[in-house]
PDB file of N, CA and C in Angstrom:
ATOM      1  N   LYS A   1      33.751  25.216  23.664  1.00  0.00           N
ATOM      2  CA  LYS A   1      33.783  23.910  23.034  1.00  0.00           C
ATOM      3  C   LYS A   1      34.195  24.037  21.578  1.00  0.00           C
ATOM      4  N   PHE A   2      34.909  23.034  21.115  1.00  0.00           N
ATOM      5  CA  PHE A   2      35.323  22.967  19.716  1.00  0.00           C
ATOM      6  C   PHE A   2      34.345  22.083  18.962  1.00  0.00           C
ATOM      7  N   LYS A   3      33.790  22.607  17.893  1.00  0.00           N
ATOM      8  CA  LYS A   3      32.883  21.825  17.050  1.00  0.00           C
ATOM      9  C   LYS A   3      33.566  21.582  15.712  1.00  0.00           C
ATOM     10  N   MET A   4      33.590  20.345  15.323  1.00  0.00           N
ATOM     11  CA  MET A   4      34.191  20.010  14.044  1.00  0.00           C
ATOM     12  C   MET A   4      33.083  19.827  13.011  1.00  0.00           C
ATOM     13  N   ALA A   5      33.199  20.519  11.921  1.00  0.00           N
ATOM     14  CA  ALA A   5      32.227  20.386  10.838  1.00  0.00           C
ATOM     15  C   ALA A   5      32.722  19.330   9.858  1.00  0.00           C
ATOM     16  N   ILE A   6      31.855  18.412   9.521  1.00  0.00           N
ATOM     17  CA  ILE A   6      32.198  17.378   8.551  1.00  0.00           C
ATOM     18  C   ILE A   6      31.428  17.664   7.280  1.00  0.00           C
ATOM     19  N   ASN A   7      32.142  17.779   6.196  1.00  0.00           N
ATOM     20  CA  ASN A   7      31.547  18.085   4.904  1.00  0.00           C
ATOM     21  C   ASN A   7      32.159  17.144   3.876  1.00  0.00           C
ATOM     22  N   ASN A   8      31.650  15.933   3.793  1.00  0.00           N
ATOM     23  CA  ASN A   8      32.136  14.935   2.855  1.00  0.00           C
ATOM     24  C   ASN A   8      30.995  14.478   1.954  1.00  0.00           C
ATOM     25  N   VAL A   9      31.322  14.330   0.682  1.00  0.00           N
ATOM     26  CA  VAL A   9      30.353  13.845  -0.292  1.00  0.00           C
ATOM     27  C   VAL A   9      30.991  12.699  -1.058  1.00  0.00           C
ATOM     28  N   GLN A  10      30.224  11.647  -1.257  1.00  0.00           N
ATOM     29  CA  GLN A  10      30.640  10.542  -2.119  1.00  0.00           C
ATOM     30  C   GLN A  10      29.451  10.250  -3.014  1.00  0.00           C
ATOM     31  N   ILE A  11      29.634  10.370  -4.319  1.00  0.00           N
ATOM     32  CA  ILE A  11      28.504  10.201  -5.228  1.00  0.00           C
ATOM     33  C   ILE A  11      28.966   9.511  -6.509  1.00  0.00           C
ATOM     34  N   GLU A  12      28.103   8.652  -7.031  1.00  0.00           N
ATOM     35  CA  GLU A  12      28.380   7.908  -8.247  1.00  0.00           C
ATOM     36  C   GLU A  12      27.463   8.412  -9.353  1.00  0.00           C
ATOM     37  N   GLY A  13      28.003   8.570 -10.557  1.00  0.00           N
ATOM     38  CA  GLY A  13      27.177   8.993 -11.676  1.00  0.00           C
ATOM     39  C   GLY A  13      27.943   9.027 -12.972  1.00  0.00           C
ATOM     40  N   ASN A  14      27.255   9.516 -14.005  1.00  0.00           N
ATOM     41  CA  ASN A  14      27.840   9.609 -15.339  1.00  0.00           C
ATOM     42  C   ASN A  14      28.221  11.053 -15.651  1.00  0.00           C
ATOM     43  N   VAL A  15      29.388  11.215 -16.249  1.00  0.00           N
ATOM     44  CA  VAL A  15      29.963  12.524 -16.552  1.00  0.00           C
ATOM     45  C   VAL A  15      29.346  13.109 -17.814  1.00  0.00           C
ATOM     46  N   SER A  16      29.103  14.435 -17.773  1.00  0.00           N
ATOM     47  CA  SER A  16      28.579  15.149 -18.933  1.00  0.00           C
ATOM     48  C   SER A  16      29.129  16.574 -18.939  1.00  0.00           C
ATOM     49  N   ASN A  17      29.206  17.179 -20.100  1.00  0.00           N
ATOM     50  CA  ASN A  17      29.554  18.597 -20.276  1.00  0.00           C
ATOM     51  C   ASN A  17      30.858  19.000 -19.600  1.00  0.00           C
ATOM     52  N   VAL A  18      31.936  18.323 -19.915  1.00  0.00           N
ATOM     53  CA  VAL A  18      33.233  18.613 -19.308  1.00  0.00           C
ATOM     54  C   VAL A  18      33.829  19.883 -19.932  1.00  0.00           C
ATOM     55  N   LYS A  19      34.253  20.825 -19.062  1.00  0.00           N
ATOM     56  CA  LYS A  19      34.848  22.078 -19.525  1.00  0.00           C
ATOM     57  C   LYS A  19      36.112  22.359 -18.732  1.00  0.00           C
ATOM     58  N   LEU A  20      37.254  22.423 -19.428  1.00  0.00           N
ATOM     59  CA  LEU A  20      38.548  22.718 -18.824  1.00  0.00           C
ATOM     60  C   LEU A  20      38.917  24.152 -19.152  1.00  0.00           C
ATOM     61  N   ASN A  21      39.431  24.906 -18.171  1.00  0.00           N
ATOM     62  CA  ASN A  21      39.803  26.294 -18.457  1.00  0.00           C
ATOM     63  C   ASN A  21      41.115  26.354 -19.242  1.00  0.00           C
ATOM     64  N   ASP A  22      41.458  27.519 -19.764  1.00  0.00           N
ATOM     65  CA  ASP A  22      42.641  27.685 -20.611  1.00  0.00           C
ATOM     66  C   ASP A  22      43.945  27.336 -19.901  1.00  0.00           C
ATOM     67  N   LYS A  23      44.027  27.607 -18.614  1.00  0.00           N
ATOM     68  CA  LYS A  23      45.249  27.316 -17.857  1.00  0.00           C
ATOM     69  C   LYS A  23      45.350  25.839 -17.465  1.00  0.00           C
ATOM     70  N   LYS A  24      44.293  25.080 -17.733  1.00  0.00           N
ATOM     71  CA  LYS A  24      44.218  23.647 -17.427  1.00  0.00           C
ATOM     72  C   LYS A  24      44.401  23.356 -15.936  1.00  0.00           C
ATOM     73  N   ASN A  25      43.938  24.289 -15.084  1.00  0.00           N
ATOM     74  CA  ASN A  25      44.035  24.062 -13.644  1.00  0.00           C
ATOM     75  C   ASN A  25      42.662  24.062 -12.961  1.00  0.00           C
ATOM     76  N   PHE A  26      41.592  24.125 -13.753  1.00  0.00           N
ATOM     77  CA  PHE A  26      40.225  24.124 -13.229  1.00  0.00           C
ATOM     78  C   PHE A  26      39.322  23.449 -14.248  1.00  0.00           C
ATOM     79  N   ILE A  27      38.513  22.524 -13.780  1.00  0.00           N
ATOM     80  CA  ILE A  27      37.598  21.814 -14.672  1.00  0.00           C
ATOM     81  C   ILE A  27      36.220  21.772 -14.019  1.00  0.00           C
ATOM     82  N   SER A  28      35.196  21.830 -14.842  1.00  0.00           N
ATOM     83  CA  SER A  28      33.831  21.694 -14.337  1.00  0.00           C
ATOM     84  C   SER A  28      33.081  20.709 -15.229  1.00  0.00           C
ATOM     85  N   PHE A  29      32.132  20.020 -14.629  1.00  0.00           N
ATOM     86  CA  PHE A  29      31.302  19.105 -15.406  1.00  0.00           C
ATOM     87  C   PHE A  29      30.023  18.819 -14.642  1.00  0.00           C
ATOM     88  N   SER A  30      29.069  18.244 -15.335  1.00  0.00           N
ATOM     89  CA  SER A  30      27.820  17.805 -14.727  1.00  0.00           C
ATOM     90  C   SER A  30      27.930  16.319 -14.429  1.00  0.00           C
ATOM     91  N   LEU A  31      27.260  15.888 -13.379  1.00  0.00           N
ATOM     92  CA  LEU A  31      27.237  14.483 -13.021  1.00  0.00           C
ATOM     93  C   LEU A  31      25.781  14.046 -12.916  1.00  0.00           C
ATOM     94  N   ALA A  32      25.417  13.011 -13.676  1.00  0.00           N
ATOM     95  CA  ALA A  32      24.046  12.491 -13.669  1.00  0.00           C
ATOM     96  C   ALA A  32      23.992  11.255 -12.788  1.00  0.00           C
ATOM     97  N   GLU A  33      23.207  11.345 -11.722  1.00  0.00           N
ATOM     98  CA  GLU A  33      23.006  10.214 -10.817  1.00  0.00           C
ATOM     99  C   GLU A  33      21.655   9.593 -11.149  1.00  0.00           C
ATOM    100  N   ASN A  34      21.665   8.335 -11.558  1.00  0.00           N
ATOM    101  CA  ASN A  34      20.434   7.636 -11.910  1.00  0.00           C
ATOM    102  C   ASN A  34      19.930   6.867 -10.700  1.00  0.00           C
ATOM    103  N   ILE A  35      18.695   7.129 -10.322  1.00  0.00           N
ATOM    104  CA  ILE A  35      18.097   6.542  -9.133  1.00  0.00           C
ATOM    105  C   ILE A  35      16.858   5.747  -9.541  1.00  0.00           C
ATOM    106  N   THR A  36      16.722   4.562  -8.981  1.00  0.00           N
ATOM    107  CA  THR A  36      15.552   3.722  -9.216  1.00  0.00           C
ATOM    108  C   THR A  36      14.963   3.333  -7.867  1.00  0.00           C
ATOM    109  N   TYR A  37      13.658   3.475  -7.737  1.00  0.00           N
ATOM    110  CA  TYR A  37      12.983   3.084  -6.506  1.00  0.00           C
ATOM    111  C   TYR A  37      11.560   2.640  -6.827  1.00  0.00           C
ATOM    112  N   LYS A  38      10.921   2.013  -5.840  1.00  0.00           N
ATOM    113  CA  LYS A  38       9.543   1.546  -6.006  1.00  0.00           C
ATOM    114  C   LYS A  38       8.584   2.539  -5.374  1.00  0.00           C
ATOM    115  N   LYS A  39       7.493   2.815  -6.083  1.00  0.00           N
ATOM    116  CA  LYS A  39       6.421   3.654  -5.559  1.00  0.00           C
ATOM    117  C   LYS A  39       5.108   3.050  -6.041  1.00  0.00           C
ATOM    118  N   ASP A  40       4.230   2.729  -5.108  1.00  0.00           N
ATOM    119  CA  ASP A  40       2.950   2.099  -5.445  1.00  0.00           C
ATOM    120  C   ASP A  40       3.146   0.860  -6.311  1.00  0.00           C
ATOM    121  N   ASP A  41       4.116   0.044  -5.943  1.00  0.00           N
ATOM    122  CA  ASP A  41       4.454  -1.204  -6.646  1.00  0.00           C
ATOM    123  C   ASP A  41       4.914  -0.998  -8.088  1.00  0.00           C
ATOM    124  N   LYS A  42       5.338   0.212  -8.436  1.00  0.00           N
ATOM    125  CA  LYS A  42       5.875   0.490  -9.768  1.00  0.00           C
ATOM    126  C   LYS A  42       7.304   0.985  -9.623  1.00  0.00           C
ATOM    127  N   GLU A  43       8.125   0.610 -10.572  1.00  0.00           N
ATOM    128  CA  GLU A  43       9.509   1.067 -10.579  1.00  0.00           C
ATOM    129  C   GLU A  43       9.583   2.473 -11.152  1.00  0.00           C
ATOM    130  N   VAL A  44      10.208   3.370 -10.407  1.00  0.00           N
ATOM    131  CA  VAL A  44      10.355   4.757 -10.842  1.00  0.00           C
ATOM    132  C   VAL A  44      11.835   5.032 -11.071  1.00  0.00           C
ATOM    133  N   LYS A  45      12.153   5.641 -12.213  1.00  0.00           N
ATOM    134  CA  LYS A  45      13.538   6.000 -12.530  1.00  0.00           C
ATOM    135  C   LYS A  45      13.646   7.519 -12.599  1.00  0.00           C
ATOM    136  N   GLU A  46      14.648   8.050 -11.911  1.00  0.00           N
ATOM    137  CA  GLU A  46      14.898   9.499 -11.921  1.00  0.00           C
ATOM    138  C   GLU A  46      16.373   9.755 -12.166  1.00  0.00           C
ATOM    139  N   THR A  47      16.660  10.896 -12.736  1.00  0.00           N
ATOM    140  CA  THR A  47      18.037  11.342 -12.886  1.00  0.00           C
ATOM    141  C   THR A  47      18.196  12.648 -12.130  1.00  0.00           C
ATOM    142  N   HIS A  48      19.171  12.687 -11.232  1.00  0.00           N
ATOM    143  CA  HIS A  48      19.499  13.903 -10.491  1.00  0.00           C
ATOM    144  C   HIS A  48      20.818  14.435 -11.033  1.00  0.00           C
ATOM    145  N   TRP A  49      20.892  15.753 -11.267  1.00  0.00           N
ATOM    146  CA  TRP A  49      22.081  16.385 -11.845  1.00  0.00           C
ATOM    147  C   TRP A  49      22.815  17.197 -10.797  1.00  0.00           C
ATOM    148  N   TYR A  50      24.146  17.094 -10.824  1.00  0.00           N
ATOM    149  CA  TYR A  50      24.998  17.820  -9.887  1.00  0.00           C
ATOM    150  C   TYR A  50      26.088  18.557 -10.663  1.00  0.00           C
ATOM    151  N   SER A  51      26.456  19.717 -10.165  1.00  0.00           N
ATOM    152  CA  SER A  51      27.562  20.486 -10.715  1.00  0.00           C
ATOM    153  C   SER A  51      28.821  20.120  -9.933  1.00  0.00           C
ATOM    154  N   VAL A  52      29.874  19.735 -10.657  1.00  0.00           N
ATOM    155  CA  VAL A  52      31.127  19.316 -10.026  1.00  0.00           C
ATOM    156  C   VAL A  52      32.258  20.185 -10.555  1.00  0.00           C
ATOM    157  N   VAL A  53      33.158  20.583  -9.660  1.00  0.00           N
ATOM    158  CA  VAL A  53      34.355  21.313 -10.052  1.00  0.00           C
ATOM    159  C   VAL A  53      35.563  20.630  -9.429  1.00  0.00           C
ATOM    160  N   ALA A  54      36.726  20.822 -10.056  1.00  0.00           N
ATOM    161  CA  ALA A  54      37.979  20.293  -9.512  1.00  0.00           C
ATOM    162  C   ALA A  54      39.097  21.258  -9.884  1.00  0.00           C
ATOM    163  N   HIS A  55      40.122  21.268  -9.036  1.00  0.00           N
ATOM    164  CA  HIS A  55      41.242  22.181  -9.219  1.00  0.00           C
ATOM    165  C   HIS A  55      42.545  21.407  -9.404  1.00  0.00           C
ATOM    166  N   LYS A  56      43.510  22.070  -9.978  1.00  0.00           N
ATOM    167  CA  LYS A  56      44.907  21.625 -10.088  1.00  0.00           C
ATOM    168  C   LYS A  56      45.051  20.174 -10.510  1.00  0.00           C
ATOM    169  N   GLY A  57      45.702  19.347  -9.677  1.00  0.00           N
ATOM    170  CA  GLY A  57      45.998  17.964 -10.044  1.00  0.00           C
ATOM    171  C   GLY A  57      44.769  17.123 -10.327  1.00  0.00           C
ATOM    172  N   THR A  58      43.707  17.331  -9.548  1.00  0.00           N
ATOM    173  CA  THR A  58      42.471  16.577  -9.791  1.00  0.00           C
ATOM    174  C   THR A  58      41.870  16.968 -11.133  1.00  0.00           C
ATOM    175  N   ALA A  59      41.927  18.262 -11.464  1.00  0.00           N
ATOM    176  CA  ALA A  59      41.422  18.735 -12.766  1.00  0.00           C
ATOM    177  C   ALA A  59      42.224  18.126 -13.905  1.00  0.00           C
ATOM    178  N   GLN A  60      43.532  18.064 -13.753  1.00  0.00           N
ATOM    179  CA  GLN A  60      44.380  17.492 -14.797  1.00  0.00           C
ATOM    180  C   GLN A  60      44.137  15.996 -14.959  1.00  0.00           C
ATOM    181  N   PHE A  61      43.924  15.295 -13.833  1.00  0.00           N
ATOM    182  CA  PHE A  61      43.605  13.865 -13.895  1.00  0.00           C
ATOM    183  C   PHE A  61      42.308  13.639 -14.667  1.00  0.00           C
ATOM    184  N   ILE A  62      41.283  14.425 -14.345  1.00  0.00           N
ATOM    185  CA  ILE A  62      39.992  14.295 -15.023  1.00  0.00           C
ATOM    186  C   ILE A  62      40.149  14.568 -16.514  1.00  0.00           C
ATOM    187  N   ASP A  63      40.888  15.627 -16.854  1.00  0.00           N
ATOM    188  CA  ASP A  63      41.098  15.974 -18.263  1.00  0.00           C
ATOM    189  C   ASP A  63      41.772  14.836 -19.026  1.00  0.00           C
ATOM    190  N   ARG A  64      42.747  14.172 -18.427  1.00  0.00           N
ATOM    191  CA  ARG A  64      43.498  13.108 -19.105  1.00  0.00           C
ATOM    192  C   ARG A  64      42.769  11.767 -19.128  1.00  0.00           C
ATOM    193  N   ASN A  65      41.912  11.517 -18.131  1.00  0.00           N
ATOM    194  CA  ASN A  65      41.415  10.156 -17.942  1.00  0.00           C
ATOM    195  C   ASN A  65      39.912   9.959 -18.023  1.00  0.00           C
ATOM    196  N   ILE A  66      39.141  11.029 -18.058  1.00  0.00           N
ATOM    197  CA  ILE A  66      37.692  10.890 -17.988  1.00  0.00           C
ATOM    198  C   ILE A  66      37.028  11.605 -19.154  1.00  0.00           C
ATOM    199  N   ALA A  67      36.038  10.950 -19.755  1.00  0.00           N
ATOM    200  CA  ALA A  67      35.315  11.521 -20.890  1.00  0.00           C
ATOM    201  C   ALA A  67      33.814  11.496 -20.612  1.00  0.00           C
ATOM    202  N   GLN A  68      33.104  12.244 -21.404  1.00  0.00           N
ATOM    203  CA  GLN A  68      31.646  12.282 -21.280  1.00  0.00           C
ATOM    204  C   GLN A  68      31.082  10.868 -21.393  1.00  0.00           C
ATOM    205  N   GLY A  69      30.167  10.532 -20.492  1.00  0.00           N
ATOM    206  CA  GLY A  69      29.534   9.220 -20.496  1.00  0.00           C
ATOM    207  C   GLY A  69      30.175   8.224 -19.558  1.00  0.00           C
ATOM    208  N   ASP A  70      31.414   8.497 -19.105  1.00  0.00           N
ATOM    209  CA  ASP A  70      32.069   7.588 -18.169  1.00  0.00           C
ATOM    210  C   ASP A  70      31.333   7.591 -16.835  1.00  0.00           C
ATOM    211  N   LYS A  71      31.296   6.437 -16.194  1.00  0.00           N
ATOM    212  CA  LYS A  71      30.713   6.334 -14.856  1.00  0.00           C
ATOM    213  C   LYS A  71      31.848   6.457 -13.849  1.00  0.00           C
ATOM    214  N   VAL A  72      31.667   7.360 -12.873  1.00  0.00           N
ATOM    215  CA  VAL A  72      32.717   7.645 -11.904  1.00  0.00           C
ATOM    216  C   VAL A  72      32.137   7.719 -10.491  1.00  0.00           C
ATOM    217  N   ILE A  73      33.032   7.649  -9.508  1.00  0.00           N
ATOM    218  CA  ILE A  73      32.697   7.974  -8.127  1.00  0.00           C
ATOM    219  C   ILE A  73      33.482   9.233  -7.782  1.00  0.00           C
ATOM    220  N   ILE A  74      32.780  10.220  -7.266  1.00  0.00           N
ATOM    221  CA  ILE A  74      33.386  11.485  -6.856  1.00  0.00           C
ATOM    222  C   ILE A  74      33.478  11.495  -5.330  1.00  0.00           C
ATOM    223  N   PHE A  75      34.637  11.837  -4.813  1.00  0.00           N
ATOM    224  CA  PHE A  75      34.831  12.069  -3.386  1.00  0.00           C
ATOM    225  C   PHE A  75      35.169  13.550  -3.244  1.00  0.00           C
ATOM    226  N   GLY A  76      34.440  14.259  -2.399  1.00  0.00           N
ATOM    227  CA  GLY A  76      34.712  15.679  -2.267  1.00  0.00           C
ATOM    228  C   GLY A  76      33.921  16.312  -1.153  1.00  0.00           C
ATOM    229  N   ARG A  77      33.635  17.599  -1.341  1.00  0.00           N
ATOM    230  CA  ARG A  77      32.891  18.362  -0.345  1.00  0.00           C
ATOM    231  C   ARG A  77      31.912  19.281  -1.054  1.00  0.00           C
ATOM    232  N   LEU A  78      30.886  19.706  -0.335  1.00  0.00           N
ATOM    233  CA  LEU A  78      29.915  20.647  -0.876  1.00  0.00           C
ATOM    234  C   LEU A  78      30.370  22.077  -0.619  1.00  0.00           C
ATOM    235  N   THR A  79      30.102  22.930  -1.563  1.00  0.00           N
ATOM    236  CA  THR A  79      30.332  24.357  -1.396  1.00  0.00           C
ATOM    237  C   THR A  79      29.168  25.094  -2.045  1.00  0.00           C
ATOM    238  N   SER A  80      28.907  26.294  -1.586  1.00  0.00           N
ATOM    239  CA  SER A  80      27.827  27.075  -2.184  1.00  0.00           C
ATOM    240  C   SER A  80      28.273  28.515  -2.340  1.00  0.00           C
ATOM    241  N   ASN A  81      27.708  29.171  -3.331  1.00  0.00           N
ATOM    242  CA  ASN A  81      27.973  30.588  -3.557  1.00  0.00           C
ATOM    243  C   ASN A  81      26.746  31.197  -4.224  1.00  0.00           C
ATOM    244  N   SER A  82      26.759  32.496  -4.341  1.00  0.00           N
ATOM    245  CA  SER A  82      25.658  33.176  -5.024  1.00  0.00           C
ATOM    246  C   SER A  82      26.238  34.289  -5.882  1.00  0.00           C
ATOM    247  N   TYR A  83      25.501  34.629  -6.929  1.00  0.00           N
ATOM    248  CA  TYR A  83      25.908  35.709  -7.832  1.00  0.00           C
ATOM    249  C   TYR A  83      24.652  36.343  -8.425  1.00  0.00           C
ATOM    250  N   GLU A  84      24.842  37.517  -8.990  1.00  0.00           N
ATOM    251  CA  GLU A  84      23.736  38.243  -9.609  1.00  0.00           C
ATOM    252  C   GLU A  84      23.727  37.970 -11.113  1.00  0.00           C
ATOM    253  N   SER A  85      22.544  37.760 -11.653  1.00  0.00           N
ATOM    254  CA  SER A  85      22.375  37.580 -13.091  1.00  0.00           C
ATOM    255  C   SER A  85      21.026  38.163 -13.483  1.00  0.00           C
ATOM    256  N   ASP A  86      21.031  39.144 -14.356  1.00  0.00           N
ATOM    257  CA  ASP A  86      19.805  39.803 -14.813  1.00  0.00           C
ATOM    258  C   ASP A  86      18.956  40.309 -13.645  1.00  0.00           C
ATOM    259  N   GLY A  87      19.627  40.844 -12.623  1.00  0.00           N
ATOM    260  CA  GLY A  87      18.926  41.407 -11.479  1.00  0.00           C
ATOM    261  C   GLY A  87      18.410  40.389 -10.480  1.00  0.00           C
ATOM    262  N   LYS A  88      18.727  39.122 -10.695  1.00  0.00           N
ATOM    263  CA  LYS A  88      18.286  38.070  -9.787  1.00  0.00           C
ATOM    264  C   LYS A  88      19.502  37.448  -9.094  1.00  0.00           C
ATOM    265  N   THR A  89      19.308  37.064  -7.857  1.00  0.00           N
ATOM    266  CA  THR A  89      20.357  36.360  -7.133  1.00  0.00           C
ATOM    267  C   THR A  89      20.247  34.873  -7.429  1.00  0.00           C
ATOM    268  N   ILE A  90      21.327  34.303  -7.906  1.00  0.00           N
ATOM    269  CA  ILE A  90      21.389  32.879  -8.217  1.00  0.00           C
ATOM    270  C   ILE A  90      22.211  32.201  -7.123  1.00  0.00           C
ATOM    271  N   ASN A  91      21.615  31.222  -6.455  1.00  0.00           N
ATOM    272  CA  ASN A  91      22.321  30.424  -5.459  1.00  0.00           C
ATOM    273  C   ASN A  91      22.750  29.119  -6.109  1.00  0.00           C
ATOM    274  N   GLN A  92      24.005  28.757  -5.895  1.00  0.00           N
ATOM    275  CA  GLN A  92      24.542  27.576  -6.553  1.00  0.00           C
ATOM    276  C   GLN A  92      25.274  26.699  -5.541  1.00  0.00           C
ATOM    277  N   THR A  93      24.979  25.416  -5.556  1.00  0.00           N
ATOM    278  CA  THR A  93      25.698  24.445  -4.743  1.00  0.00           C
ATOM    279  C   THR A  93      26.485  23.555  -5.689  1.00  0.00           C
ATOM    280  N   GLN A  94      27.759  23.344  -5.366  1.00  0.00           N
ATOM    281  CA  GLN A  94      28.623  22.519  -6.197  1.00  0.00           C
ATOM    282  C   GLN A  94      29.335  21.491  -5.339  1.00  0.00           C
ATOM    283  N   ILE A  95      29.777  20.433  -5.990  1.00  0.00           N
ATOM    284  CA  ILE A  95      30.652  19.457  -5.370  1.00  0.00           C
ATOM    285  C   ILE A  95      32.065  19.795  -5.805  1.00  0.00           C
ATOM    286  N   VAL A  96      32.958  20.000  -4.861  1.00  0.00           N
ATOM    287  CA  VAL A  96      34.371  20.203  -5.163  1.00  0.00           C
ATOM    288  C   VAL A  96      35.036  18.836  -5.026  1.00  0.00           C
ATOM    289  N   ALA A  97      35.502  18.291  -6.154  1.00  0.00           N
ATOM    290  CA  ALA A  97      36.066  16.940  -6.177  1.00  0.00           C
ATOM    291  C   ALA A  97      37.503  16.948  -5.671  1.00  0.00           C
ATOM    292  N   ASN A  98      37.789  16.060  -4.717  1.00  0.00           N
ATOM    293  CA  ASN A  98      39.160  15.854  -4.231  1.00  0.00           C
ATOM    294  C   ASN A  98      39.768  14.618  -4.871  1.00  0.00           C
ATOM    295  N   ASP A  99      38.911  13.653  -5.213  1.00  0.00           N
ATOM    296  CA  ASP A  99      39.351  12.391  -5.789  1.00  0.00           C
ATOM    297  C   ASP A  99      38.246  11.890  -6.706  1.00  0.00           C
ATOM    298  N   VAL A 100      38.641  11.313  -7.820  1.00  0.00           N
ATOM    299  CA  VAL A 100      37.680  10.769  -8.785  1.00  0.00           C
ATOM    300  C   VAL A 100      38.179   9.395  -9.207  1.00  0.00           C
ATOM    301  N   ARG A 101      37.289   8.426  -9.192  1.00  0.00           N
ATOM    302  CA  ARG A 101      37.656   7.071  -9.616  1.00  0.00           C
ATOM    303  C   ARG A 101      36.714   6.612 -10.707  1.00  0.00           C
ATOM    304  N   VAL A 102      37.280   6.022 -11.741  1.00  0.00           N
ATOM    305  CA  VAL A 102      36.494   5.546 -12.880  1.00  0.00           C
ATOM    306  C   VAL A 102      35.947   4.162 -12.566  1.00  0.00           C
ATOM    307  N   ILE A 103      34.619   4.013 -12.724  1.00  0.00           N
ATOM    308  CA  ILE A 103      33.982   2.700 -12.554  1.00  0.00           C
ATOM    309  C   ILE A 103      34.006   1.964 -13.892  1.00  0.00           C
ATOM    310  N   TYR A 104      33.544   2.638 -14.949  1.00  0.00           N
ATOM    311  CA  TYR A 104      33.702   2.094 -16.292  1.00  0.00           C
ATOM    312  C   TYR A 104      33.696   3.241 -17.297  1.00  0.00           C
ATOM    313  N   ARG A 105      34.294   2.965 -18.415  1.00  0.00           N
ATOM    314  CA  ARG A 105      34.399   3.966 -19.477  1.00  0.00           C
ATOM    315  C   ARG A 105      33.370   3.693 -20.561  1.00  0.00           C
ATOM    316  N   LYS A 106      32.782   4.765 -21.055  1.00  0.00           N
ATOM    317  CA  LYS A 106      31.883   4.639 -22.191  1.00  0.00           C
ATOM    318  C   LYS A 106      32.743   4.281 -23.396  1.00  0.00           C
ATOM    319  N   GLU A 107      32.239   3.409 -24.233  1.00  0.00           N
ATOM    320  CA  GLU A 107      32.999   3.042 -25.437  1.00  0.00           C
ATOM    321  C   GLU A 107      33.228   4.257 -26.300  1.00  0.00           C
ATOM    322  N   GLN A 108      34.480   4.485 -26.668  1.00  0.00           N
ATOM    323  CA  GLN A 108      34.814   5.603 -27.547  1.00  0.00           C
ATOM    324  C   GLN A 108      34.679   5.144 -28.997  1.00  0.00           C
ATOM    325  N   LYS A 109      34.047   5.980 -29.815  1.00  0.00           N
ATOM    326  CA  LYS A 109      33.844   5.599 -31.229  1.00  0.00           C
ATOM    327  C   LYS A 109      34.931   6.169 -32.083  1.00  0.00           C
TER     328      LYS A 109
END
């Protein structure tokens, strides 16, 4: 039997800590997702942080069109890797962005 794996992510949040590499073909940034829900009849606000990366054309689009504080929707897939740091194994999950759309831009001063 053939099994098809579906790995799609769609997430909305605010951009932070944008870093473009020297070759301008890879970009990484943090995405803050603000969540509000009710618990015991009280409103609870949380921020969840995600690591996002993009390559080639998507990276160049982000570099030209998106700044820290902008609200965006990311369409992509999840990926994970691990590496050693100070004798410890670090497991990392990232969103690889295929498409990014701007919802609104933070006012530039």
